[in-house]
Amino acid sequence: MADNFLERHREEYELRKQAWLIKKKKISPIRTIHKPEDESL
């Protein structure tokens, strides 16, 4: 097993995680559910 196996995979994971979070933040405002001001509906 390579010495830096875990370190390399950790770095790749962090990069994928950051990309996913950025993507998620861009999408989330579009999918928000707007509640009507009048709750009696």
N, C-alpha and C. Protein backbone atom coordinates (compact mmCIF):
# COMPACT_ATOMS: atom_id res chain seq x y z
N MET A 1 0.85 -1.19 0.00
CA MET A 1 0.00 0.00 0.00
C MET A 1 0.89 1.25 0.00
N ALA A 2 0.48 2.23 -0.77
CA ALA A 2 1.27 3.46 -0.84
C ALA A 2 1.21 4.22 0.48
N ASP A 3 2.28 4.92 0.78
CA ASP A 3 2.35 5.66 2.04
C ASP A 3 1.31 6.77 2.11
N ASN A 4 1.09 7.43 1.00
CA ASN A 4 0.16 8.57 1.01
C ASN A 4 -1.22 8.20 0.50
N PHE A 5 -1.59 6.95 0.56
CA PHE A 5 -2.89 6.49 0.06
C PHE A 5 -4.04 7.25 0.72
N LEU A 6 -4.06 7.25 2.05
CA LEU A 6 -5.16 7.90 2.77
C LEU A 6 -5.15 9.41 2.57
N GLU A 7 -3.96 10.01 2.58
CA GLU A 7 -3.88 11.46 2.41
C GLU A 7 -4.42 11.87 1.03
N ARG A 8 -4.04 11.11 0.02
CA ARG A 8 -4.48 11.42 -1.35
C ARG A 8 -5.99 11.29 -1.46
N HIS A 9 -6.54 10.23 -0.91
CA HIS A 9 -7.99 10.04 -0.98
C HIS A 9 -8.73 11.09 -0.17
N ARG A 10 -8.15 11.51 0.93
CA ARG A 10 -8.76 12.56 1.75
C ARG A 10 -8.83 13.86 0.96
N GLU A 11 -7.74 14.19 0.26
CA GLU A 11 -7.71 15.42 -0.54
C GLU A 11 -8.76 15.37 -1.65
N GLU A 12 -8.84 14.23 -2.33
CA GLU A 12 -9.84 14.08 -3.39
C GLU A 12 -11.25 14.21 -2.82
N TYR A 13 -11.46 13.62 -1.65
CA TYR A 13 -12.78 13.71 -1.00
C TYR A 13 -13.13 15.15 -0.67
N GLU A 14 -12.16 15.89 -0.12
CA GLU A 14 -12.42 17.28 0.24
C GLU A 14 -12.76 18.11 -0.99
N LEU A 15 -12.06 17.87 -2.09
CA LEU A 15 -12.34 18.62 -3.31
C LEU A 15 -13.74 18.31 -3.84
N ARG A 16 -14.10 17.01 -3.83
CA ARG A 16 -15.44 16.63 -4.28
C ARG A 16 -16.51 17.21 -3.36
N LYS A 17 -16.23 17.22 -2.07
CA LYS A 17 -17.18 17.75 -1.09
C LYS A 17 -17.41 19.24 -1.33
N GLN A 18 -16.32 20.00 -1.55
CA GLN A 18 -16.45 21.43 -1.81
C GLN A 18 -17.26 21.69 -3.07
N ALA A 19 -16.97 20.93 -4.13
CA ALA A 19 -17.70 21.10 -5.39
C ALA A 19 -19.18 20.81 -5.18
N TRP A 20 -19.48 19.76 -4.41
CA TRP A 20 -20.87 19.39 -4.15
C TRP A 20 -21.59 20.48 -3.36
N LEU A 21 -20.91 21.03 -2.35
CA LEU A 21 -21.53 22.08 -1.54
C LEU A 21 -21.81 23.32 -2.38
N ILE A 22 -20.88 23.69 -3.24
CA ILE A 22 -21.08 24.86 -4.10
C ILE A 22 -22.26 24.61 -5.03
N LYS A 23 -22.31 23.42 -5.61
CA LYS A 23 -23.40 23.05 -6.51
C LYS A 23 -24.73 23.07 -5.76
N LYS A 24 -24.73 22.54 -4.55
CA LYS A 24 -25.94 22.49 -3.73
C LYS A 24 -26.43 23.91 -3.41
N LYS A 25 -25.51 24.81 -3.08
CA LYS A 25 -25.89 26.19 -2.75
C LYS A 25 -26.51 26.90 -3.94
N LYS A 26 -26.01 26.60 -5.14
CA LYS A 26 -26.56 27.24 -6.34
C LYS A 26 -27.95 26.74 -6.66
N ILE A 27 -28.22 25.47 -6.37
CA ILE A 27 -29.51 24.87 -6.70
C ILE A 27 -30.57 25.18 -5.63
N SER A 28 -30.19 25.18 -4.37
CA SER A 28 -31.16 25.26 -3.29
C SER A 28 -32.12 26.46 -3.34
N PRO A 29 -31.69 27.68 -3.67
CA PRO A 29 -32.67 28.78 -3.69
C PRO A 29 -33.79 28.56 -4.70
N ILE A 30 -33.53 27.84 -5.76
CA ILE A 30 -34.54 27.59 -6.78
C ILE A 30 -35.63 26.67 -6.24
N ARG A 31 -35.23 25.71 -5.41
CA ARG A 31 -36.16 24.69 -4.94
C ARG A 31 -36.87 25.06 -3.63
N THR A 32 -36.62 26.24 -3.11
CA THR A 32 -37.26 26.60 -1.85
C THR A 32 -38.77 26.74 -2.05
N ILE A 33 -39.50 26.34 -1.05
CA ILE A 33 -40.96 26.42 -1.10
C ILE A 33 -41.39 27.72 -0.43
N HIS A 34 -42.08 28.55 -1.19
CA HIS A 34 -42.55 29.83 -0.65
C HIS A 34 -43.91 29.63 0.00
N LYS A 35 -43.96 29.86 1.30
CA LYS A 35 -45.25 29.74 1.99
C LYS A 35 -46.06 31.01 1.78
N PRO A 36 -47.32 30.88 1.60
CA PRO A 36 -48.16 32.07 1.45
C PRO A 36 -48.21 32.85 2.78
N GLU A 37 -48.34 34.14 2.69
CA GLU A 37 -48.40 34.96 3.90
C GLU A 37 -49.66 34.64 4.70
N ASP A 38 -50.72 34.31 4.01
CA ASP A 38 -51.97 33.96 4.67
C ASP A 38 -51.95 32.46 4.97
N GLU A 39 -51.74 32.08 6.22
CA GLU A 39 -51.63 30.67 6.61
C GLU A 39 -52.99 29.97 6.66
N SER A 40 -54.09 30.70 6.51
CA SER A 40 -55.41 30.09 6.64
C SER A 40 -55.82 29.29 5.39
N LEU A 41 -55.01 29.34 4.35
CA LEU A 41 -55.39 28.62 3.11
C LEU A 41 -55.36 27.14 3.30
